[in-house]
Amino acid sequence: MQNEIFFRKIRDKIKKELNPEHISIIDNSDLHFKHKFFDPKKFHLKLEIKSKKLKSMKKIDAHKAIFSILKDELNTSIHALEIEIK
């Protein structure tokens, strides 16, 4: 339940700033539990975002925009973030 609230917060922040057509958040944290610096309190996430706005940008700029939107979460709750723009 706690994770769903966190994922909803991420989804809402991205929607507010970028108004994408679709967002999927996939929690891949369980795939990384054997890594040396694994922290069970931080997420390994994959974002799949369908967005005409992001698709029209250079990939680096689109990723920077998302990192900027999620900067607080990246500092506190997200260890790794994979981004796929469709």
PDB file of N, CA and C in Angstrom:
ATOM      1  N   MET A   1       0.823  -1.200   0.000  1.00  0.00           N
ATOM      2  CA  MET A   1       0.000   0.000   0.000  1.00  0.00           C
ATOM      3  C   MET A   1       0.868   1.266   0.000  1.00  0.00           C
ATOM      4  N   GLN A   2       1.911   1.254   0.823  1.00  0.00           N
ATOM      5  CA  GLN A   2       2.823   2.399   0.894  1.00  0.00           C
ATOM      6  C   GLN A   2       3.478   2.661  -0.454  1.00  0.00           C
ATOM      7  N   ASN A   3       3.868   1.578  -1.142  1.00  0.00           N
ATOM      8  CA  ASN A   3       4.493   1.718  -2.455  1.00  0.00           C
ATOM      9  C   ASN A   3       3.532   2.352  -3.453  1.00  0.00           C
ATOM     10  N   GLU A   4       2.280   1.949  -3.420  1.00  0.00           N
ATOM     11  CA  GLU A   4       1.294   2.498  -4.359  1.00  0.00           C
ATOM     12  C   GLU A   4       1.124   4.003  -4.164  1.00  0.00           C
ATOM     13  N   ILE A   5       1.150   4.448  -2.937  1.00  0.00           N
ATOM     14  CA  ILE A   5       1.046   5.886  -2.653  1.00  0.00           C
ATOM     15  C   ILE A   5       2.260   6.608  -3.233  1.00  0.00           C
ATOM     16  N   PHE A   6       3.424   6.034  -3.050  1.00  0.00           N
ATOM     17  CA  PHE A   6       4.653   6.627  -3.586  1.00  0.00           C
ATOM     18  C   PHE A   6       4.610   6.664  -5.115  1.00  0.00           C
ATOM     19  N   PHE A   7       4.190   5.565  -5.741  1.00  0.00           N
ATOM     20  CA  PHE A   7       4.114   5.508  -7.205  1.00  0.00           C
ATOM     21  C   PHE A   7       3.081   6.494  -7.736  1.00  0.00           C
ATOM     22  N   ARG A   8       1.985   6.661  -7.033  1.00  0.00           N
ATOM     23  CA  ARG A   8       0.958   7.630  -7.440  1.00  0.00           C
ATOM     24  C   ARG A   8       1.529   9.048  -7.385  1.00  0.00           C
ATOM     25  N   LYS A   9       2.328   9.329  -6.362  1.00  0.00           N
ATOM     26  CA  LYS A   9       2.962  10.642  -6.229  1.00  0.00           C
ATOM     27  C   LYS A   9       3.877  10.918  -7.428  1.00  0.00           C
ATOM     28  N   ILE A  10       4.679   9.921  -7.798  1.00  0.00           N
ATOM     29  CA  ILE A  10       5.565  10.062  -8.961  1.00  0.00           C
ATOM     30  C   ILE A  10       4.741  10.309 -10.224  1.00  0.00           C
ATOM     31  N   ARG A  11       3.723   9.499 -10.419  1.00  0.00           N
ATOM     32  CA  ARG A  11       2.857   9.621 -11.596  1.00  0.00           C
ATOM     33  C   ARG A  11       2.223  11.006 -11.655  1.00  0.00           C
ATOM     34  N   ASP A  12       1.727  11.489 -10.530  1.00  0.00           N
ATOM     35  CA  ASP A  12       1.068  12.798 -10.485  1.00  0.00           C
ATOM     36  C   ASP A  12       2.040  13.936 -10.796  1.00  0.00           C
ATOM     37  N   LYS A  13       3.255  13.852 -10.277  1.00  0.00           N
ATOM     38  CA  LYS A  13       4.248  14.898 -10.541  1.00  0.00           C
ATOM     39  C   LYS A  13       4.602  14.965 -12.022  1.00  0.00           C
ATOM     40  N   ILE A  14       4.787  13.804 -12.630  1.00  0.00           N
ATOM     41  CA  ILE A  14       5.125  13.772 -14.064  1.00  0.00           C
ATOM     42  C   ILE A  14       3.953  14.264 -14.901  1.00  0.00           C
ATOM     43  N   LYS A  15       2.745  13.830 -14.550  1.00  0.00           N
ATOM     44  CA  LYS A  15       1.554  14.277 -15.291  1.00  0.00           C
ATOM     45  C   LYS A  15       1.392  15.791 -15.209  1.00  0.00           C
ATOM     46  N   LYS A  16       1.614  16.347 -14.033  1.00  0.00           N
ATOM     47  CA  LYS A  16       1.453  17.784 -13.833  1.00  0.00           C
ATOM     48  C   LYS A  16       2.410  18.581 -14.713  1.00  0.00           C
ATOM     49  N   GLU A  17       3.650  18.116 -14.812  1.00  0.00           N
ATOM     50  CA  GLU A  17       4.679  18.850 -15.546  1.00  0.00           C
ATOM     51  C   GLU A  17       4.683  18.569 -17.045  1.00  0.00           C
ATOM     52  N   LEU A  18       4.397  17.321 -17.432  1.00  0.00           N
ATOM     53  CA  LEU A  18       4.594  16.926 -18.828  1.00  0.00           C
ATOM     54  C   LEU A  18       3.325  16.513 -19.571  1.00  0.00           C
ATOM     55  N   ASN A  19       2.277  16.232 -18.839  1.00  0.00           N
ATOM     56  CA  ASN A  19       1.005  15.797 -19.421  1.00  0.00           C
ATOM     57  C   ASN A  19       1.194  14.687 -20.468  1.00  0.00           C
ATOM     58  N   PRO A  20       1.831  13.579 -20.088  1.00  0.00           N
ATOM     59  CA  PRO A  20       2.051  12.493 -21.049  1.00  0.00           C
ATOM     60  C   PRO A  20       0.756  11.734 -21.336  1.00  0.00           C
ATOM     61  N   GLU A  21       0.761  11.012 -22.434  1.00  0.00           N
ATOM     62  CA  GLU A  21      -0.413  10.217 -22.791  1.00  0.00           C
ATOM     63  C   GLU A  21      -0.544   8.981 -21.891  1.00  0.00           C
ATOM     64  N   HIS A  22       0.595   8.459 -21.424  1.00  0.00           N
ATOM     65  CA  HIS A  22       0.569   7.253 -20.585  1.00  0.00           C
ATOM     66  C   HIS A  22       1.857   7.152 -19.768  1.00  0.00           C
ATOM     67  N   ILE A  23       1.746   6.634 -18.555  1.00  0.00           N
ATOM     68  CA  ILE A  23       2.903   6.366 -17.693  1.00  0.00           C
ATOM     69  C   ILE A  23       2.737   4.996 -17.047  1.00  0.00           C
ATOM     70  N   SER A  24       3.769   4.186 -17.128  1.00  0.00           N
ATOM     71  CA  SER A  24       3.828   2.925 -16.379  1.00  0.00           C
ATOM     72  C   SER A  24       5.042   2.993 -15.474  1.00  0.00           C
ATOM     73  N   ILE A  25       4.852   2.569 -14.243  1.00  0.00           N
ATOM     74  CA  ILE A  25       5.956   2.494 -13.290  1.00  0.00           C
ATOM     75  C   ILE A  25       6.139   1.030 -12.918  1.00  0.00           C
ATOM     76  N   ILE A  26       7.335   0.533 -13.173  1.00  0.00           N
ATOM     77  CA  ILE A  26       7.645  -0.865 -12.891  1.00  0.00           C
ATOM     78  C   ILE A  26       8.708  -0.903 -11.798  1.00  0.00           C
ATOM     79  N   ASP A  27       8.399  -1.613 -10.731  1.00  0.00           N
ATOM     80  CA  ASP A  27       9.325  -1.742  -9.607  1.00  0.00           C
ATOM     81  C   ASP A  27      10.222  -2.961  -9.835  1.00  0.00           C
ATOM     82  N   ASN A  28      11.481  -2.706 -10.149  1.00  0.00           N
ATOM     83  CA  ASN A  28      12.455  -3.776 -10.373  1.00  0.00           C
ATOM     84  C   ASN A  28      13.375  -3.981  -9.175  1.00  0.00           C
ATOM     85  N   SER A  29      12.999  -3.479  -8.035  1.00  0.00           N
ATOM     86  CA  SER A  29      13.851  -3.549  -6.848  1.00  0.00           C
ATOM     87  C   SER A  29      14.231  -4.981  -6.490  1.00  0.00           C
ATOM     88  N   ASP A  30      13.301  -5.897  -6.626  1.00  0.00           N
ATOM     89  CA  ASP A  30      13.561  -7.284  -6.243  1.00  0.00           C
ATOM     90  C   ASP A  30      14.622  -7.946  -7.127  1.00  0.00           C
ATOM     91  N   LEU A  31      14.911  -7.359  -8.274  1.00  0.00           N
ATOM     92  CA  LEU A  31      15.941  -7.907  -9.161  1.00  0.00           C
ATOM     93  C   LEU A  31      17.350  -7.495  -8.724  1.00  0.00           C
ATOM     94  N   HIS A  32      17.443  -6.593  -7.766  1.00  0.00           N
ATOM     95  CA  HIS A  32      18.732  -6.025  -7.374  1.00  0.00           C
ATOM     96  C   HIS A  32      19.130  -6.327  -5.928  1.00  0.00           C
ATOM     97  N   PHE A  33      18.391  -7.177  -5.238  1.00  0.00           N
ATOM     98  CA  PHE A  33      18.632  -7.387  -3.813  1.00  0.00           C
ATOM     99  C   PHE A  33      19.997  -7.992  -3.500  1.00  0.00           C
ATOM    100  N   LYS A  34      20.658  -8.610  -4.473  1.00  0.00           N
ATOM    101  CA  LYS A  34      21.979  -9.195  -4.225  1.00  0.00           C
ATOM    102  C   LYS A  34      23.115  -8.213  -4.499  1.00  0.00           C
ATOM    103  N   HIS A  35      22.795  -7.034  -4.993  1.00  0.00           N
ATOM    104  CA  HIS A  35      23.844  -6.050  -5.287  1.00  0.00           C
ATOM    105  C   HIS A  35      24.492  -5.547  -3.997  1.00  0.00           C
ATOM    106  N   LYS A  36      25.742  -5.201  -4.099  1.00  0.00           N
ATOM    107  CA  LYS A  36      26.544  -4.813  -2.934  1.00  0.00           C
ATOM    108  C   LYS A  36      25.915  -3.665  -2.144  1.00  0.00           C
ATOM    109  N   PHE A  37      25.434  -2.639  -2.827  1.00  0.00           N
ATOM    110  CA  PHE A  37      24.901  -1.460  -2.138  1.00  0.00           C
ATOM    111  C   PHE A  37      23.374  -1.433  -2.118  1.00  0.00           C
ATOM    112  N   PHE A  38      22.749  -2.594  -2.214  1.00  0.00           N
ATOM    113  CA  PHE A  38      21.286  -2.654  -2.202  1.00  0.00           C
ATOM    114  C   PHE A  38      20.745  -2.099  -0.886  1.00  0.00           C
ATOM    115  N   ASP A  39      19.748  -1.233  -1.010  1.00  0.00           N
ATOM    116  CA  ASP A  39      19.085  -0.652   0.160  1.00  0.00           C
ATOM    117  C   ASP A  39      17.593  -0.945   0.018  1.00  0.00           C
ATOM    118  N   PRO A  40      17.026  -1.759   0.897  1.00  0.00           N
ATOM    119  CA  PRO A  40      15.609  -2.119   0.773  1.00  0.00           C
ATOM    120  C   PRO A  40      14.654  -0.931   0.928  1.00  0.00           C
ATOM    121  N   LYS A  41      15.179   0.207   1.379  1.00  0.00           N
ATOM    122  CA  LYS A  41      14.340   1.390   1.541  1.00  0.00           C
ATOM    123  C   LYS A  41      14.311   2.260   0.282  1.00  0.00           C
ATOM    124  N   LYS A  42      15.107   1.868  -0.743  1.00  0.00           N
ATOM    125  CA  LYS A  42      15.155   2.630  -1.988  1.00  0.00           C
ATOM    126  C   LYS A  42      14.746   1.752  -3.163  1.00  0.00           C
ATOM    127  N   PHE A  43      14.121   2.386  -4.138  1.00  0.00           N
ATOM    128  CA  PHE A  43      13.571   1.670  -5.281  1.00  0.00           C
ATOM    129  C   PHE A  43      14.506   1.664  -6.489  1.00  0.00           C
ATOM    130  N   HIS A  44      14.389   0.602  -7.272  1.00  0.00           N
ATOM    131  CA  HIS A  44      14.954   0.511  -8.617  1.00  0.00           C
ATOM    132  C   HIS A  44      13.728   0.519  -9.531  1.00  0.00           C
ATOM    133  N   LEU A  45      13.503   1.613 -10.234  1.00  0.00           N
ATOM    134  CA  LEU A  45      12.284   1.765 -11.019  1.00  0.00           C
ATOM    135  C   LEU A  45      12.559   1.885 -12.506  1.00  0.00           C
ATOM    136  N   LYS A  46      11.576   1.460 -13.275  1.00  0.00           N
ATOM    137  CA  LYS A  46      11.574   1.692 -14.714  1.00  0.00           C
ATOM    138  C   LYS A  46      10.321   2.498 -15.028  1.00  0.00           C
ATOM    139  N   LEU A  47      10.505   3.607 -15.715  1.00  0.00           N
ATOM    140  CA  LEU A  47       9.385   4.419 -16.176  1.00  0.00           C
ATOM    141  C   LEU A  47       9.218   4.196 -17.665  1.00  0.00           C
ATOM    142  N   GLU A  48       8.022   3.853 -18.072  1.00  0.00           N
ATOM    143  CA  GLU A  48       7.668   3.797 -19.486  1.00  0.00           C
ATOM    144  C   GLU A  48       6.686   4.938 -19.708  1.00  0.00           C
ATOM    145  N   ILE A  49       7.105   5.898 -20.501  1.00  0.00           N
ATOM    146  CA  ILE A  49       6.308   7.104 -20.681  1.00  0.00           C
ATOM    147  C   ILE A  49       6.012   7.305 -22.158  1.00  0.00           C
ATOM    148  N   LYS A  50       4.732   7.406 -22.471  1.00  0.00           N
ATOM    149  CA  LYS A  50       4.336   7.763 -23.832  1.00  0.00           C
ATOM    150  C   LYS A  50       4.017   9.253 -23.810  1.00  0.00           C
ATOM    151  N   SER A  51       4.847  10.007 -24.534  1.00  0.00           N
ATOM    152  CA  SER A  51       4.706  11.453 -24.510  1.00  0.00           C
ATOM    153  C   SER A  51       5.210  12.060 -25.815  1.00  0.00           C
ATOM    154  N   LYS A  52       4.338  12.753 -26.504  1.00  0.00           N
ATOM    155  CA  LYS A  52       4.743  13.449 -27.731  1.00  0.00           C
ATOM    156  C   LYS A  52       5.763  14.535 -27.397  1.00  0.00           C
ATOM    157  N   LYS A  53       5.557  15.203 -26.270  1.00  0.00           N
ATOM    158  CA  LYS A  53       6.469  16.270 -25.857  1.00  0.00           C
ATOM    159  C   LYS A  53       7.881  15.727 -25.626  1.00  0.00           C
ATOM    160  N   LEU A  54       8.000  14.648 -24.848  1.00  0.00           N
ATOM    161  CA  LEU A  54       9.311  14.069 -24.570  1.00  0.00           C
ATOM    162  C   LEU A  54       9.928  13.460 -25.820  1.00  0.00           C
ATOM    163  N   LYS A  55       9.111  12.853 -26.652  1.00  0.00           N
ATOM    164  CA  LYS A  55       9.604  12.206 -27.872  1.00  0.00           C
ATOM    165  C   LYS A  55      10.197  13.239 -28.832  1.00  0.00           C
ATOM    166  N   SER A  56       9.680  14.466 -28.783  1.00  0.00           N
ATOM    167  CA  SER A  56      10.170  15.513 -29.680  1.00  0.00           C
ATOM    168  C   SER A  56      11.490  16.128 -29.191  1.00  0.00           C
ATOM    169  N   MET A  57      11.867  15.825 -27.965  1.00  0.00           N
ATOM    170  CA  MET A  57      13.092  16.367 -27.378  1.00  0.00           C
ATOM    171  C   MET A  57      14.267  15.429 -27.647  1.00  0.00           C
ATOM    172  N   LYS A  58      15.485  15.958 -27.528  1.00  0.00           N
ATOM    173  CA  LYS A  58      16.658  15.093 -27.529  1.00  0.00           C
ATOM    174  C   LYS A  58      16.546  14.183 -26.312  1.00  0.00           C
ATOM    175  N   LYS A  59      17.009  12.962 -26.460  1.00  0.00           N
ATOM    176  CA  LYS A  59      16.891  11.980 -25.380  1.00  0.00           C
ATOM    177  C   LYS A  59      17.486  12.504 -24.073  1.00  0.00           C
ATOM    178  N   ILE A  60      18.652  13.107 -24.138  1.00  0.00           N
ATOM    179  CA  ILE A  60      19.313  13.623 -22.930  1.00  0.00           C
ATOM    180  C   ILE A  60      18.472  14.702 -22.258  1.00  0.00           C
ATOM    181  N   ASP A  61      17.848  15.561 -23.057  1.00  0.00           N
ATOM    182  CA  ASP A  61      17.019  16.629 -22.497  1.00  0.00           C
ATOM    183  C   ASP A  61      15.736  16.076 -21.886  1.00  0.00           C
ATOM    184  N   ALA A  62      15.166  15.058 -22.516  1.00  0.00           N
ATOM    185  CA  ALA A  62      13.960  14.422 -21.975  1.00  0.00           C
ATOM    186  C   ALA A  62      14.270  13.768 -20.630  1.00  0.00           C
ATOM    187  N   HIS A  63      15.403  13.091 -20.549  1.00  0.00           N
ATOM    188  CA  HIS A  63      15.799  12.441 -19.295  1.00  0.00           C
ATOM    189  C   HIS A  63      16.095  13.487 -18.220  1.00  0.00           C
ATOM    190  N   LYS A  64      16.748  14.570 -18.600  1.00  0.00           N
ATOM    191  CA  LYS A  64      17.020  15.647 -17.639  1.00  0.00           C
ATOM    192  C   LYS A  64      15.722  16.229 -17.093  1.00  0.00           C
ATOM    193  N   ALA A  65      14.718  16.374 -17.956  1.00  0.00           N
ATOM    194  CA  ALA A  65      13.426  16.910 -17.522  1.00  0.00           C
ATOM    195  C   ALA A  65      12.804  15.995 -16.469  1.00  0.00           C
ATOM    196  N   ILE A  66      12.846  14.705 -16.701  1.00  0.00           N
ATOM    197  CA  ILE A  66      12.271  13.747 -15.749  1.00  0.00           C
ATOM    198  C   ILE A  66      13.072  13.735 -14.450  1.00  0.00           C
ATOM    199  N   PHE A  67      14.401  13.734 -14.557  1.00  0.00           N
ATOM    200  CA  PHE A  67      15.237  13.768 -13.351  1.00  0.00           C
ATOM    201  C   PHE A  67      14.976  15.034 -12.541  1.00  0.00           C
ATOM    202  N   SER A  68      14.754  16.138 -13.213  1.00  0.00           N
ATOM    203  CA  SER A  68      14.466  17.393 -12.527  1.00  0.00           C
ATOM    204  C   SER A  68      13.133  17.313 -11.772  1.00  0.00           C
ATOM    205  N   ILE A  69      12.140  16.739 -12.406  1.00  0.00           N
ATOM    206  CA  ILE A  69      10.819  16.590 -11.771  1.00  0.00           C
ATOM    207  C   ILE A  69      10.910  15.691 -10.540  1.00  0.00           C
ATOM    208  N   LEU A  70      11.728  14.667 -10.619  1.00  0.00           N
ATOM    209  CA  LEU A  70      11.819  13.669  -9.536  1.00  0.00           C
ATOM    210  C   LEU A  70      13.064  13.836  -8.666  1.00  0.00           C
ATOM    211  N   LYS A  71      13.643  15.036  -8.660  1.00  0.00           N
ATOM    212  CA  LYS A  71      14.908  15.229  -7.939  1.00  0.00           C
ATOM    213  C   LYS A  71      14.802  14.898  -6.451  1.00  0.00           C
ATOM    214  N   ASP A  72      13.716  15.261  -5.797  1.00  0.00           N
ATOM    215  CA  ASP A  72      13.574  14.951  -4.371  1.00  0.00           C
ATOM    216  C   ASP A  72      13.506  13.447  -4.132  1.00  0.00           C
ATOM    217  N   GLU A  73      12.734  12.764  -4.960  1.00  0.00           N
ATOM    218  CA  GLU A  73      12.589  11.315  -4.822  1.00  0.00           C
ATOM    219  C   GLU A  73      13.907  10.598  -5.126  1.00  0.00           C
ATOM    220  N   LEU A  74      14.659  11.123  -6.097  1.00  0.00           N
ATOM    221  CA  LEU A  74      15.961  10.533  -6.425  1.00  0.00           C
ATOM    222  C   LEU A  74      16.951  10.701  -5.275  1.00  0.00           C
ATOM    223  N   ASN A  75      16.819  11.762  -4.521  1.00  0.00           N
ATOM    224  CA  ASN A  75      17.703  11.990  -3.377  1.00  0.00           C
ATOM    225  C   ASN A  75      17.322  11.170  -2.154  1.00  0.00           C
ATOM    226  N   THR A  76      16.067  10.742  -2.074  1.00  0.00           N
ATOM    227  CA  THR A  76      15.607  10.080  -0.857  1.00  0.00           C
ATOM    228  C   THR A  76      15.127   8.647  -1.036  1.00  0.00           C
ATOM    229  N   SER A  77      14.424   8.350  -2.131  1.00  0.00           N
ATOM    230  CA  SER A  77      13.708   7.075  -2.217  1.00  0.00           C
ATOM    231  C   SER A  77      14.004   6.233  -3.447  1.00  0.00           C
ATOM    232  N   ILE A  78      14.644   6.812  -4.453  1.00  0.00           N
ATOM    233  CA  ILE A  78      14.931   6.071  -5.684  1.00  0.00           C
ATOM    234  C   ILE A  78      16.439   5.905  -5.827  1.00  0.00           C
ATOM    235  N   HIS A  79      16.872   4.658  -5.914  1.00  0.00           N
ATOM    236  CA  HIS A  79      18.299   4.372  -6.103  1.00  0.00           C
ATOM    237  C   HIS A  79      18.658   4.382  -7.590  1.00  0.00           C
ATOM    238  N   ALA A  80      17.779   3.788  -8.422  1.00  0.00           N
ATOM    239  CA  ALA A  80      18.043   3.699  -9.857  1.00  0.00           C
ATOM    240  C   ALA A  80      16.752   3.962 -10.620  1.00  0.00           C
ATOM    241  N   LEU A  81      16.902   4.657 -11.753  1.00  0.00           N
ATOM    242  CA  LEU A  81      15.745   5.010 -12.564  1.00  0.00           C
ATOM    243  C   LEU A  81      16.062   4.757 -14.029  1.00  0.00           C
ATOM    244  N   GLU A  82      15.346   3.809 -14.612  1.00  0.00           N
ATOM    245  CA  GLU A  82      15.457   3.522 -16.045  1.00  0.00           C
ATOM    246  C   GLU A  82      14.271   4.202 -16.718  1.00  0.00           C
ATOM    247  N   ILE A  83      14.520   4.880 -17.824  1.00  0.00           N
ATOM    248  CA  ILE A  83      13.466   5.632 -18.502  1.00  0.00           C
ATOM    249  C   ILE A  83      13.351   5.151 -19.936  1.00  0.00           C
ATOM    250  N   GLU A  84      12.133   4.801 -20.329  1.00  0.00           N
ATOM    251  CA  GLU A  84      11.850   4.443 -21.716  1.00  0.00           C
ATOM    252  C   GLU A  84      10.769   5.388 -22.217  1.00  0.00           C
ATOM    253  N   ILE A  85      11.101   6.139 -23.267  1.00  0.00           N
ATOM    254  CA  ILE A  85      10.161   7.106 -23.833  1.00  0.00           C
ATOM    255  C   ILE A  85       9.633   6.538 -25.134  1.00  0.00           C
ATOM    256  N   LYS A  86       8.322   6.507 -25.230  1.00  0.00           N
ATOM    257  CA  LYS A  86       7.667   5.945 -26.426  1.00  0.00           C
ATOM    258  C   LYS A  86       6.941   7.033 -27.193  1.00  0.00           C
TER     259      LYS A  86
END
